[in-house]
Amino acid sequence: MSEKQDTELIIKEAARDIFLKKGYAGARMQDIADKAGINKALLHYYFRSKEKLFDVIFFEQFGKLIGQVKEGLRGDMNLHDKIEFFVDKYIGLLEQSPYLPLFVINELSRDSERFIDKLKSFEVYPEAASMIGMMMQEMEKGAIKKYHPFHLLMNIMSLSVFPFIAKPMIMTITQVKDEDWKELMADRKEQVKAFIFNALEI
């Protein structure tokens, strides 16, 4: 890795920490420069503005999550396997980027129209529509219980995301230790899938 790549990585890691703690509006470029151990001029050399830096960090990570999920959902799997894949991949990626849900919430609160425009650029609709269509076909065949397909997507997303949003509260209430959190999230994947399959009666 070159010196330039090293510096960019250090800046991104510092910016992720500052954006997560202070939100987009509260974060200052000087805070990020201080956290990265560089001067503000060098920070502006790599990233011209706070908005550009935020976009690089957030949408790079968000794009990674969306891309991997889309790739799997394009595959030739039945509905049961697609749900399993979606839950496993979604929670797995959130484990790698646990700050992402808070970034999404902050962005939706700060500038929802801009966020939605960015989201559209990832073209997630075809894969979501395919999964919804498959679910409706299974309902017509009587293979699963009739169930509004939008609830399926919302349940998977909410059941998967909530622990990462509420992690500090959950750990305080339950006294779960950091070293036990990974095991808990591994079990969470199975619990979410069981909940969804039970609702659909697969």
N, C-alpha and C. Protein backbone atom coordinates (compact mmCIF):
# COMPACT_ATOMS: atom_id res chain seq x y z
N MET A 1 0.85 -1.19 0.00
CA MET A 1 0.00 0.00 0.00
C MET A 1 0.88 1.24 0.00
N SER A 2 0.58 2.21 -0.88
CA SER A 2 1.39 3.42 -1.00
C SER A 2 1.12 4.36 0.17
N GLU A 3 2.01 5.37 0.30
CA GLU A 3 1.84 6.35 1.37
C GLU A 3 0.52 7.11 1.21
N LYS A 4 0.15 7.41 -0.05
CA LYS A 4 -1.11 8.11 -0.30
C LYS A 4 -2.30 7.26 0.14
N GLN A 5 -2.26 5.96 -0.18
CA GLN A 5 -3.35 5.07 0.22
C GLN A 5 -3.42 4.95 1.74
N ASP A 6 -2.24 4.90 2.39
CA ASP A 6 -2.20 4.84 3.85
C ASP A 6 -2.87 6.07 4.46
N THR A 7 -2.55 7.24 3.92
CA THR A 7 -3.11 8.49 4.44
C THR A 7 -4.62 8.54 4.23
N GLU A 8 -5.07 8.12 3.04
CA GLU A 8 -6.50 8.11 2.76
C GLU A 8 -7.24 7.18 3.72
N LEU A 9 -6.64 6.02 4.00
CA LEU A 9 -7.26 5.07 4.91
C LEU A 9 -7.35 5.64 6.32
N ILE A 10 -6.29 6.29 6.77
CA ILE A 10 -6.28 6.91 8.10
C ILE A 10 -7.36 7.98 8.20
N ILE A 11 -7.48 8.78 7.14
CA ILE A 11 -8.50 9.84 7.12
C ILE A 11 -9.90 9.24 7.17
N LYS A 12 -10.13 8.20 6.38
CA LYS A 12 -11.45 7.57 6.35
C LYS A 12 -11.82 6.99 7.71
N GLU A 13 -10.87 6.33 8.36
CA GLU A 13 -11.14 5.74 9.67
C GLU A 13 -11.45 6.83 10.70
N ALA A 14 -10.69 7.93 10.64
CA ALA A 14 -10.93 9.04 11.55
C ALA A 14 -12.29 9.68 11.28
N ALA A 15 -12.61 9.86 10.01
CA ALA A 15 -13.88 10.49 9.64
C ALA A 15 -15.07 9.63 10.05
N ARG A 16 -14.96 8.31 9.88
CA ARG A 16 -16.03 7.42 10.30
C ARG A 16 -16.32 7.59 11.78
N ASP A 17 -15.26 7.67 12.57
CA ASP A 17 -15.41 7.81 14.01
C ASP A 17 -16.07 9.14 14.37
N ILE A 18 -15.64 10.21 13.74
CA ILE A 18 -16.18 11.54 14.04
C ILE A 18 -17.63 11.66 13.56
N PHE A 19 -17.91 11.19 12.36
CA PHE A 19 -19.28 11.27 11.84
C PHE A 19 -20.24 10.45 12.71
N LEU A 20 -19.78 9.31 13.18
CA LEU A 20 -20.63 8.46 14.00
C LEU A 20 -20.93 9.12 15.34
N LYS A 21 -19.91 9.74 15.94
CA LYS A 21 -20.08 10.35 17.26
C LYS A 21 -20.84 11.67 17.21
N LYS A 22 -20.60 12.45 16.16
CA LYS A 22 -21.14 13.81 16.12
C LYS A 22 -22.20 14.03 15.04
N GLY A 23 -22.36 13.05 14.14
CA GLY A 23 -23.27 13.24 13.03
C GLY A 23 -22.65 14.15 11.99
N TYR A 24 -23.29 14.22 10.83
CA TYR A 24 -22.73 15.04 9.75
C TYR A 24 -22.68 16.51 10.15
N ALA A 25 -23.78 17.02 10.69
CA ALA A 25 -23.86 18.44 11.01
C ALA A 25 -22.86 18.84 12.09
N GLY A 26 -22.65 17.97 13.08
CA GLY A 26 -21.77 18.31 14.19
C GLY A 26 -20.29 18.10 13.92
N ALA A 27 -19.98 17.32 12.90
CA ALA A 27 -18.58 17.03 12.58
C ALA A 27 -17.91 18.22 11.90
N ARG A 28 -16.67 18.49 12.26
CA ARG A 28 -15.89 19.55 11.62
C ARG A 28 -14.66 18.93 10.98
N MET A 29 -14.23 19.51 9.89
CA MET A 29 -13.04 19.01 9.21
C MET A 29 -11.82 19.06 10.14
N GLN A 30 -11.78 20.06 11.01
CA GLN A 30 -10.66 20.15 11.95
C GLN A 30 -10.67 18.98 12.92
N ASP A 31 -11.88 18.56 13.35
CA ASP A 31 -11.99 17.39 14.23
C ASP A 31 -11.41 16.15 13.55
N ILE A 32 -11.75 16.00 12.27
CA ILE A 32 -11.30 14.83 11.51
C ILE A 32 -9.79 14.87 11.32
N ALA A 33 -9.28 16.06 11.00
CA ALA A 33 -7.83 16.21 10.82
C ALA A 33 -7.09 15.88 12.11
N ASP A 34 -7.60 16.39 13.23
CA ASP A 34 -6.97 16.11 14.53
C ASP A 34 -6.99 14.62 14.84
N LYS A 35 -8.12 13.98 14.57
CA LYS A 35 -8.25 12.55 14.84
C LYS A 35 -7.29 11.74 13.97
N ALA A 36 -7.09 12.20 12.73
CA ALA A 36 -6.21 11.49 11.79
C ALA A 36 -4.74 11.83 12.02
N GLY A 37 -4.48 12.86 12.83
CA GLY A 37 -3.10 13.25 13.10
C GLY A 37 -2.44 13.98 11.95
N ILE A 38 -3.24 14.72 11.17
CA ILE A 38 -2.71 15.48 10.05
C ILE A 38 -3.22 16.92 10.16
N ASN A 39 -2.67 17.81 9.34
CA ASN A 39 -3.18 19.17 9.36
C ASN A 39 -4.38 19.31 8.43
N LYS A 40 -5.14 20.37 8.64
CA LYS A 40 -6.38 20.55 7.90
C LYS A 40 -6.13 20.74 6.41
N ALA A 41 -5.02 21.39 6.07
CA ALA A 41 -4.70 21.62 4.65
C ALA A 41 -4.51 20.29 3.92
N LEU A 42 -3.85 19.34 4.58
CA LEU A 42 -3.64 18.03 3.96
C LEU A 42 -4.96 17.29 3.82
N LEU A 43 -5.82 17.43 4.80
CA LEU A 43 -7.15 16.81 4.72
C LEU A 43 -7.91 17.34 3.51
N HIS A 44 -7.87 18.66 3.31
CA HIS A 44 -8.56 19.26 2.16
C HIS A 44 -7.91 18.88 0.84
N TYR A 45 -6.63 18.55 0.88
CA TYR A 45 -5.95 18.10 -0.34
C TYR A 45 -6.54 16.76 -0.80
N TYR A 46 -6.80 15.88 0.16
CA TYR A 46 -7.34 14.56 -0.17
C TYR A 46 -8.85 14.61 -0.41
N PHE A 47 -9.54 15.38 0.41
CA PHE A 47 -11.00 15.47 0.30
C PHE A 47 -11.39 16.94 0.39
N ARG A 48 -11.89 17.48 -0.70
CA ARG A 48 -12.09 18.92 -0.83
C ARG A 48 -13.09 19.51 0.16
N SER A 49 -14.06 18.70 0.58
CA SER A 49 -15.09 19.22 1.49
C SER A 49 -15.59 18.11 2.39
N LYS A 50 -16.27 18.51 3.44
CA LYS A 50 -16.85 17.54 4.37
C LYS A 50 -17.88 16.68 3.65
N GLU A 51 -18.65 17.29 2.77
CA GLU A 51 -19.68 16.55 2.04
C GLU A 51 -19.07 15.47 1.17
N LYS A 52 -17.98 15.80 0.46
CA LYS A 52 -17.33 14.81 -0.40
C LYS A 52 -16.75 13.67 0.44
N LEU A 53 -16.16 14.01 1.58
CA LEU A 53 -15.59 12.99 2.45
C LEU A 53 -16.68 12.08 2.99
N PHE A 54 -17.78 12.67 3.40
CA PHE A 54 -18.89 11.87 3.90
C PHE A 54 -19.42 10.93 2.82
N ASP A 55 -19.59 11.47 1.61
CA ASP A 55 -20.10 10.64 0.51
C ASP A 55 -19.19 9.46 0.23
N VAL A 56 -17.88 9.70 0.24
CA VAL A 56 -16.93 8.63 -0.04
C VAL A 56 -17.06 7.53 1.00
N ILE A 57 -17.10 7.91 2.26
CA ILE A 57 -17.16 6.93 3.35
C ILE A 57 -18.50 6.21 3.37
N PHE A 58 -19.56 6.98 3.42
CA PHE A 58 -20.87 6.39 3.59
C PHE A 58 -21.29 5.54 2.40
N PHE A 59 -21.22 6.12 1.21
CA PHE A 59 -21.74 5.41 0.05
C PHE A 59 -20.79 4.32 -0.44
N GLU A 60 -19.53 4.41 -0.07
CA GLU A 60 -18.60 3.31 -0.36
C GLU A 60 -19.01 2.08 0.45
N GLN A 61 -19.30 2.28 1.73
CA GLN A 61 -19.71 1.18 2.59
C GLN A 61 -21.13 0.71 2.27
N PHE A 62 -22.02 1.66 2.04
CA PHE A 62 -23.39 1.31 1.71
C PHE A 62 -23.45 0.56 0.39
N GLY A 63 -22.65 1.01 -0.57
CA GLY A 63 -22.60 0.34 -1.87
C GLY A 63 -22.08 -1.08 -1.75
N LYS A 64 -21.12 -1.27 -0.85
CA LYS A 64 -20.57 -2.62 -0.63
C LYS A 64 -21.66 -3.54 -0.09
N LEU A 65 -22.43 -3.04 0.87
CA LEU A 65 -23.51 -3.84 1.45
C LEU A 65 -24.55 -4.18 0.38
N ILE A 66 -25.02 -3.16 -0.33
CA ILE A 66 -26.04 -3.36 -1.35
C ILE A 66 -25.55 -4.28 -2.45
N GLY A 67 -24.30 -4.08 -2.87
CA GLY A 67 -23.74 -4.88 -3.96
C GLY A 67 -23.70 -6.36 -3.64
N GLN A 68 -23.26 -6.69 -2.43
CA GLN A 68 -23.16 -8.10 -2.06
C GLN A 68 -24.54 -8.74 -1.91
N VAL A 69 -25.49 -7.99 -1.37
CA VAL A 69 -26.85 -8.52 -1.24
C VAL A 69 -27.47 -8.72 -2.61
N LYS A 70 -27.30 -7.74 -3.50
CA LYS A 70 -27.86 -7.85 -4.85
C LYS A 70 -27.28 -9.05 -5.59
N GLU A 71 -25.99 -9.25 -5.45
CA GLU A 71 -25.32 -10.35 -6.15
C GLU A 71 -25.93 -11.69 -5.77
N GLY A 72 -26.18 -11.86 -4.48
CA GLY A 72 -26.76 -13.12 -4.02
C GLY A 72 -28.20 -13.30 -4.45
N LEU A 73 -28.98 -12.22 -4.41
CA LEU A 73 -30.39 -12.31 -4.76
C LEU A 73 -30.61 -12.54 -6.25
N ARG A 74 -29.58 -12.24 -7.06
CA ARG A 74 -29.70 -12.50 -8.49
C ARG A 74 -29.58 -14.00 -8.79
N GLY A 75 -29.02 -14.74 -7.85
CA GLY A 75 -28.75 -16.15 -8.07
C GLY A 75 -30.02 -16.99 -8.22
N ASP A 76 -29.84 -18.20 -8.68
CA ASP A 76 -30.95 -19.12 -8.92
C ASP A 76 -31.26 -19.89 -7.64
N MET A 77 -31.91 -19.21 -6.68
CA MET A 77 -32.25 -19.84 -5.41
C MET A 77 -33.76 -19.78 -5.21
N ASN A 78 -34.28 -20.74 -4.43
CA ASN A 78 -35.70 -20.67 -4.09
C ASN A 78 -35.90 -19.62 -2.99
N LEU A 79 -37.17 -19.36 -2.64
CA LEU A 79 -37.48 -18.29 -1.69
C LEU A 79 -36.84 -18.55 -0.33
N HIS A 80 -36.91 -19.78 0.14
CA HIS A 80 -36.33 -20.13 1.44
C HIS A 80 -34.84 -19.79 1.46
N ASP A 81 -34.12 -20.19 0.42
CA ASP A 81 -32.67 -19.96 0.37
C ASP A 81 -32.35 -18.48 0.22
N LYS A 82 -33.19 -17.75 -0.52
CA LYS A 82 -32.95 -16.31 -0.68
C LYS A 82 -33.12 -15.57 0.65
N ILE A 83 -34.12 -15.98 1.41
CA ILE A 83 -34.33 -15.35 2.72
C ILE A 83 -33.14 -15.67 3.63
N GLU A 84 -32.70 -16.92 3.63
CA GLU A 84 -31.54 -17.30 4.43
C GLU A 84 -30.31 -16.49 4.03
N PHE A 85 -30.09 -16.39 2.73
CA PHE A 85 -28.93 -15.64 2.24
C PHE A 85 -29.02 -14.18 2.65
N PHE A 86 -30.21 -13.58 2.46
CA PHE A 86 -30.40 -12.17 2.76
C PHE A 86 -30.10 -11.88 4.23
N VAL A 87 -30.65 -12.68 5.12
CA VAL A 87 -30.45 -12.47 6.56
C VAL A 87 -28.98 -12.66 6.94
N ASP A 88 -28.38 -13.76 6.48
CA ASP A 88 -26.99 -14.03 6.82
C ASP A 88 -26.06 -12.93 6.31
N LYS A 89 -26.28 -12.52 5.06
CA LYS A 89 -25.42 -11.51 4.46
C LYS A 89 -25.64 -10.14 5.10
N TYR A 90 -26.90 -9.81 5.34
CA TYR A 90 -27.24 -8.49 5.89
C TYR A 90 -26.64 -8.30 7.28
N ILE A 91 -26.87 -9.27 8.16
CA ILE A 91 -26.33 -9.16 9.52
C ILE A 91 -24.81 -9.27 9.49
N GLY A 92 -24.28 -10.12 8.62
CA GLY A 92 -22.83 -10.26 8.51
C GLY A 92 -22.16 -8.96 8.10
N LEU A 93 -22.75 -8.26 7.15
CA LEU A 93 -22.19 -6.98 6.70
C LEU A 93 -22.35 -5.90 7.76
N LEU A 94 -23.44 -5.95 8.51
CA LEU A 94 -23.61 -4.99 9.60
C LEU A 94 -22.59 -5.23 10.71
N GLU A 95 -22.21 -6.49 10.91
CA GLU A 95 -21.15 -6.78 11.88
C GLU A 95 -19.83 -6.14 11.45
N GLN A 96 -19.59 -6.12 10.14
CA GLN A 96 -18.37 -5.52 9.62
C GLN A 96 -18.43 -3.99 9.65
N SER A 97 -19.63 -3.43 9.49
CA SER A 97 -19.81 -1.97 9.46
C SER A 97 -20.95 -1.59 10.41
N PRO A 98 -20.76 -1.75 11.71
CA PRO A 98 -21.85 -1.54 12.67
C PRO A 98 -22.34 -0.10 12.76
N TYR A 99 -21.54 0.85 12.26
CA TYR A 99 -21.93 2.26 12.31
C TYR A 99 -22.92 2.62 11.19
N LEU A 100 -23.07 1.74 10.20
CA LEU A 100 -23.85 2.06 9.01
C LEU A 100 -25.31 2.43 9.31
N PRO A 101 -26.02 1.67 10.16
CA PRO A 101 -27.42 2.04 10.43
C PRO A 101 -27.57 3.45 10.99
N LEU A 102 -26.65 3.86 11.87
CA LEU A 102 -26.73 5.22 12.42
C LEU A 102 -26.45 6.26 11.35
N PHE A 103 -25.54 5.94 10.44
CA PHE A 103 -25.29 6.84 9.33
C PHE A 103 -26.56 7.02 8.50
N VAL A 104 -27.25 5.92 8.24
CA VAL A 104 -28.48 5.98 7.44
C VAL A 104 -29.53 6.85 8.14
N ILE A 105 -29.72 6.62 9.43
CA ILE A 105 -30.70 7.40 10.19
C ILE A 105 -30.34 8.88 10.18
N ASN A 106 -29.06 9.18 10.39
CA ASN A 106 -28.62 10.58 10.38
C ASN A 106 -28.86 11.23 9.03
N GLU A 107 -28.56 10.50 7.96
CA GLU A 107 -28.74 11.05 6.62
C GLU A 107 -30.21 11.25 6.28
N LEU A 108 -31.05 10.31 6.68
CA LEU A 108 -32.48 10.45 6.43
C LEU A 108 -33.05 11.64 7.18
N SER A 109 -32.53 11.89 8.37
CA SER A 109 -32.99 13.03 9.16
C SER A 109 -32.45 14.35 8.61
N ARG A 110 -31.22 14.32 8.12
CA ARG A 110 -30.56 15.54 7.67
C ARG A 110 -31.05 15.99 6.30
N ASP A 111 -31.12 15.05 5.36
CA ASP A 111 -31.48 15.40 3.98
C ASP A 111 -32.01 14.15 3.29
N SER A 112 -33.27 13.84 3.55
CA SER A 112 -33.84 12.59 3.05
C SER A 112 -33.89 12.55 1.53
N GLU A 113 -34.16 13.67 0.88
CA GLU A 113 -34.25 13.68 -0.58
C GLU A 113 -32.91 13.34 -1.21
N ARG A 114 -31.85 13.90 -0.67
CA ARG A 114 -30.52 13.62 -1.19
C ARG A 114 -30.16 12.15 -0.99
N PHE A 115 -30.50 11.62 0.18
CA PHE A 115 -30.20 10.22 0.46
C PHE A 115 -30.96 9.30 -0.50
N ILE A 116 -32.24 9.59 -0.73
CA ILE A 116 -33.04 8.76 -1.62
C ILE A 116 -32.50 8.82 -3.05
N ASP A 117 -32.06 10.00 -3.48
CA ASP A 117 -31.46 10.11 -4.82
C ASP A 117 -30.22 9.23 -4.93
N LYS A 118 -29.40 9.23 -3.88
CA LYS A 118 -28.21 8.38 -3.87
C LYS A 118 -28.59 6.91 -3.86
N LEU A 119 -29.61 6.58 -3.08
CA LEU A 119 -30.06 5.19 -2.98
C LEU A 119 -30.52 4.68 -4.34
N LYS A 120 -31.21 5.52 -5.09
CA LYS A 120 -31.69 5.12 -6.41
C LYS A 120 -30.55 4.74 -7.34
N SER A 121 -29.39 5.37 -7.13
CA SER A 121 -28.25 5.09 -8.01
C SER A 121 -27.74 3.66 -7.85
N PHE A 122 -28.09 3.00 -6.74
CA PHE A 122 -27.66 1.61 -6.53
C PHE A 122 -28.59 0.62 -7.23
N GLU A 123 -29.72 1.10 -7.73
CA GLU A 123 -30.65 0.27 -8.50
C GLU A 123 -31.00 -1.03 -7.78
N VAL A 124 -31.55 -0.88 -6.59
CA VAL A 124 -31.89 -2.06 -5.79
C VAL A 124 -33.25 -2.64 -6.15
N TYR A 125 -34.07 -1.88 -6.89
CA TYR A 125 -35.44 -2.31 -7.13
C TYR A 125 -35.56 -3.64 -7.88
N PRO A 126 -34.77 -3.89 -8.94
CA PRO A 126 -34.97 -5.16 -9.68
C PRO A 126 -34.86 -6.40 -8.80
N GLU A 127 -33.86 -6.45 -7.92
CA GLU A 127 -33.69 -7.62 -7.06
C GLU A 127 -34.81 -7.72 -6.03
N ALA A 128 -35.20 -6.57 -5.46
CA ALA A 128 -36.29 -6.56 -4.49
C ALA A 128 -37.59 -7.00 -5.16
N ALA A 129 -37.83 -6.49 -6.38
CA ALA A 129 -39.05 -6.85 -7.11
C ALA A 129 -39.07 -8.33 -7.44
N SER A 130 -37.91 -8.88 -7.77
CA SER A 130 -37.82 -10.31 -8.08
C SER A 130 -38.18 -11.16 -6.87
N MET A 131 -37.68 -10.76 -5.70
CA MET A 131 -37.97 -11.51 -4.48
C MET A 131 -39.45 -11.39 -4.12
N ILE A 132 -40.01 -10.19 -4.30
CA ILE A 132 -41.43 -9.99 -4.02
C ILE A 132 -42.28 -10.83 -4.97
N GLY A 133 -41.89 -10.85 -6.26
CA GLY A 133 -42.61 -11.64 -7.24
C GLY A 133 -42.58 -13.13 -6.91
N MET A 134 -41.41 -13.61 -6.48
CA MET A 134 -41.28 -15.02 -6.10
C MET A 134 -42.18 -15.34 -4.91
N MET A 135 -42.23 -14.42 -3.96
CA MET A 135 -43.07 -14.62 -2.78
C MET A 135 -44.55 -14.69 -3.16
N MET A 136 -44.98 -13.83 -4.06
CA MET A 136 -46.38 -13.82 -4.48
C MET A 136 -46.74 -15.09 -5.24
N GLN A 137 -45.80 -15.62 -6.01
CA GLN A 137 -46.03 -16.88 -6.71
C GLN A 137 -46.22 -18.03 -5.72
N GLU A 138 -45.39 -18.03 -4.67
CA GLU A 138 -45.50 -19.07 -3.65
C GLU A 138 -46.84 -18.98 -2.92
N MET A 139 -47.32 -17.76 -2.73
CA MET A 139 -48.64 -17.58 -2.10
C MET A 139 -49.74 -18.15 -2.98
N GLU A 140 -49.65 -17.86 -4.27
CA GLU A 140 -50.67 -18.34 -5.21
C GLU A 140 -50.71 -19.87 -5.24
N LYS A 141 -49.55 -20.49 -5.09
CA LYS A 141 -49.49 -21.96 -5.09
C LYS A 141 -49.92 -22.55 -3.75
N GLY A 142 -50.07 -21.69 -2.75
CA GLY A 142 -50.44 -22.17 -1.42
C GLY A 142 -49.27 -22.72 -0.65
N ALA A 143 -48.05 -22.45 -1.11
CA ALA A 143 -46.85 -22.97 -0.45
C ALA A 143 -46.53 -22.19 0.82
N ILE A 144 -46.93 -20.93 0.86
CA ILE A 144 -46.73 -20.12 2.06
C ILE A 144 -48.00 -19.35 2.37
N LYS A 145 -48.08 -18.89 3.60
CA LYS A 145 -49.25 -18.12 4.04
C LYS A 145 -49.30 -16.78 3.32
N LYS A 146 -50.51 -16.31 3.05
CA LYS A 146 -50.65 -15.00 2.41
C LYS A 146 -50.17 -13.92 3.38
N TYR A 147 -49.33 -13.06 2.86
CA TYR A 147 -48.57 -12.16 3.72
C TYR A 147 -48.09 -11.02 2.83
N HIS A 148 -48.36 -9.78 3.20
CA HIS A 148 -47.96 -8.67 2.34
C HIS A 148 -46.44 -8.69 2.18
N PRO A 149 -45.94 -8.76 0.94
CA PRO A 149 -44.50 -8.91 0.73
C PRO A 149 -43.67 -7.76 1.29
N PHE A 150 -44.25 -6.56 1.37
CA PHE A 150 -43.49 -5.44 1.93
C PHE A 150 -43.18 -5.68 3.41
N HIS A 151 -44.09 -6.38 4.10
CA HIS A 151 -43.83 -6.69 5.51
C HIS A 151 -42.63 -7.63 5.64
N LEU A 152 -42.49 -8.53 4.69
CA LEU A 152 -41.34 -9.44 4.71
C LEU A 152 -40.04 -8.64 4.70
N LEU A 153 -39.91 -7.71 3.75
CA LEU A 153 -38.69 -6.92 3.65
C LEU A 153 -38.49 -6.05 4.88
N MET A 154 -39.57 -5.43 5.35
CA MET A 154 -39.45 -4.56 6.53
C MET A 154 -39.08 -5.36 7.78
N ASN A 155 -39.65 -6.56 7.91
CA ASN A 155 -39.34 -7.39 9.08
C ASN A 155 -37.88 -7.85 9.05
N ILE A 156 -37.42 -8.29 7.90
CA ILE A 156 -36.03 -8.72 7.80
C ILE A 156 -35.09 -7.57 8.15
N MET A 157 -35.36 -6.41 7.57
CA MET A 157 -34.48 -5.26 7.80
C MET A 157 -34.52 -4.80 9.25
N SER A 158 -35.72 -4.66 9.81
CA SER A 158 -35.83 -4.14 11.18
C SER A 158 -35.29 -5.13 12.20
N LEU A 159 -35.59 -6.41 12.04
CA LEU A 159 -35.10 -7.42 12.97
C LEU A 159 -33.58 -7.54 12.92
N SER A 160 -33.02 -7.28 11.76
CA SER A 160 -31.56 -7.38 11.60
C SER A 160 -30.84 -6.13 12.08
N VAL A 161 -31.41 -4.97 11.80
CA VAL A 161 -30.73 -3.70 12.07
C VAL A 161 -30.82 -3.26 13.52
N PHE A 162 -31.97 -3.49 14.15
CA PHE A 162 -32.20 -2.93 15.48
C PHE A 162 -31.09 -3.21 16.49
N PRO A 163 -30.57 -4.45 16.59
CA PRO A 163 -29.52 -4.69 17.59
C PRO A 163 -28.29 -3.80 17.41
N PHE A 164 -27.99 -3.42 16.18
CA PHE A 164 -26.82 -2.58 15.94
C PHE A 164 -27.09 -1.12 16.29
N ILE A 165 -28.33 -0.69 16.09
CA ILE A 165 -28.70 0.68 16.47
C ILE A 165 -28.74 0.80 18.00
N ALA A 166 -29.28 -0.21 18.64
CA ALA A 166 -29.51 -0.16 20.09
C ALA A 166 -28.44 -0.91 20.89
N LYS A 167 -27.32 -1.21 20.27
CA LYS A 167 -26.29 -2.02 20.94
C LYS A 167 -25.90 -1.50 22.32
N PRO A 168 -25.59 -0.21 22.50
CA PRO A 168 -25.22 0.26 23.85
C PRO A 168 -26.32 0.02 24.88
N MET A 169 -27.57 0.27 24.48
CA MET A 169 -28.69 0.06 25.40
C MET A 169 -28.86 -1.42 25.72
N ILE A 170 -28.77 -2.27 24.69
CA ILE A 170 -28.93 -3.71 24.89
C ILE A 170 -27.85 -4.25 25.81
N MET A 171 -26.61 -3.81 25.58
CA MET A 171 -25.49 -4.31 26.38
C MET A 171 -25.60 -3.84 27.83
N THR A 172 -26.14 -2.64 28.03
CA THR A 172 -26.31 -2.13 29.39
C THR A 172 -27.39 -2.89 30.13
N ILE A 173 -28.52 -3.12 29.45
CA ILE A 173 -29.65 -3.81 30.08
C ILE A 173 -29.34 -5.27 30.36
N THR A 174 -28.69 -5.93 29.40
CA THR A 174 -28.45 -7.38 29.51
C THR A 174 -27.11 -7.72 30.14
N GLN A 175 -26.22 -6.70 30.25
CA GLN A 175 -24.86 -6.92 30.76
C GLN A 175 -24.05 -7.86 29.86
N VAL A 176 -24.38 -7.87 28.57
CA VAL A 176 -23.62 -8.66 27.61
C VAL A 176 -22.24 -8.01 27.42
N LYS A 177 -21.21 -8.82 27.40
CA LYS A 177 -19.85 -8.33 27.22
C LYS A 177 -19.51 -8.26 25.74
N ASP A 178 -18.52 -7.44 25.41
CA ASP A 178 -18.10 -7.29 24.01
C ASP A 178 -17.73 -8.64 23.40
N GLU A 179 -17.04 -9.46 24.18
CA GLU A 179 -16.58 -10.74 23.65
C GLU A 179 -17.74 -11.70 23.37
N ASP A 180 -18.91 -11.45 23.98
CA ASP A 180 -20.07 -12.32 23.76
C ASP A 180 -20.99 -11.79 22.66
N TRP A 181 -20.76 -10.54 22.24
CA TRP A 181 -21.65 -9.92 21.26
C TRP A 181 -21.63 -10.66 19.92
N LYS A 182 -20.45 -11.07 19.47
CA LYS A 182 -20.32 -11.76 18.18
C LYS A 182 -21.12 -13.06 18.19
N GLU A 183 -21.03 -13.80 19.28
CA GLU A 183 -21.78 -15.05 19.40
C GLU A 183 -23.28 -14.77 19.41
N LEU A 184 -23.67 -13.69 20.08
CA LEU A 184 -25.08 -13.32 20.13
C LEU A 184 -25.61 -12.98 18.74
N MET A 185 -24.81 -12.27 17.93
CA MET A 185 -25.24 -11.90 16.59
C MET A 185 -25.28 -13.12 15.66
N ALA A 186 -24.41 -14.09 15.89
CA ALA A 186 -24.47 -15.32 15.11
C ALA A 186 -25.79 -16.04 15.38
N ASP A 187 -26.18 -16.07 16.65
CA ASP A 187 -27.46 -16.67 17.01
C ASP A 187 -28.62 -15.83 16.50
N ARG A 188 -28.40 -14.51 16.43
CA ARG A 188 -29.45 -13.61 15.95
C ARG A 188 -29.87 -13.97 14.52
N LYS A 189 -28.90 -14.34 13.70
CA LYS A 189 -29.21 -14.73 12.32
C LYS A 189 -30.22 -15.87 12.31
N GLU A 190 -29.99 -16.87 13.16
CA GLU A 190 -30.89 -18.02 13.20
C GLU A 190 -32.25 -17.63 13.75
N GLN A 191 -32.27 -16.75 14.73
CA GLN A 191 -33.54 -16.32 15.33
C GLN A 191 -34.38 -15.53 14.33
N VAL A 192 -33.74 -14.65 13.57
CA VAL A 192 -34.47 -13.86 12.58
C VAL A 192 -35.04 -14.77 11.50
N LYS A 193 -34.23 -15.70 11.02
CA LYS A 193 -34.72 -16.63 9.98
C LYS A 193 -35.88 -17.47 10.51
N ALA A 194 -35.77 -17.95 11.73
CA ALA A 194 -36.85 -18.75 12.31
C ALA A 194 -38.13 -17.94 12.44
N PHE A 195 -38.00 -16.68 12.83
CA PHE A 195 -39.17 -15.80 12.97
C PHE A 195 -39.85 -15.60 11.61
N ILE A 196 -39.05 -15.33 10.58
CA ILE A 196 -39.60 -15.10 9.24
C ILE A 196 -40.24 -16.36 8.69
N PHE A 197 -39.56 -17.49 8.82
CA PHE A 197 -40.10 -18.74 8.29
C PHE A 197 -41.38 -19.14 9.02
N ASN A 198 -41.42 -18.88 10.31
CA ASN A 198 -42.62 -19.19 11.09
C ASN A 198 -43.79 -18.32 10.63
N ALA A 199 -43.50 -17.04 10.35
CA ALA A 199 -44.55 -16.13 9.88
C ALA A 199 -45.09 -16.55 8.52
N LEU A 200 -44.19 -17.08 7.69
CA LEU A 200 -44.59 -17.51 6.35
C LEU A 200 -45.06 -18.96 6.34
N GLU A 201 -44.77 -19.67 7.43
CA GLU A 201 -45.08 -21.10 7.55
C GLU A 201 -44.41 -21.91 6.45
N ILE A 202 -43.12 -21.61 6.23
CA ILE A 202 -42.34 -22.40 5.26
C ILE A 202 -41.93 -23.71 5.91
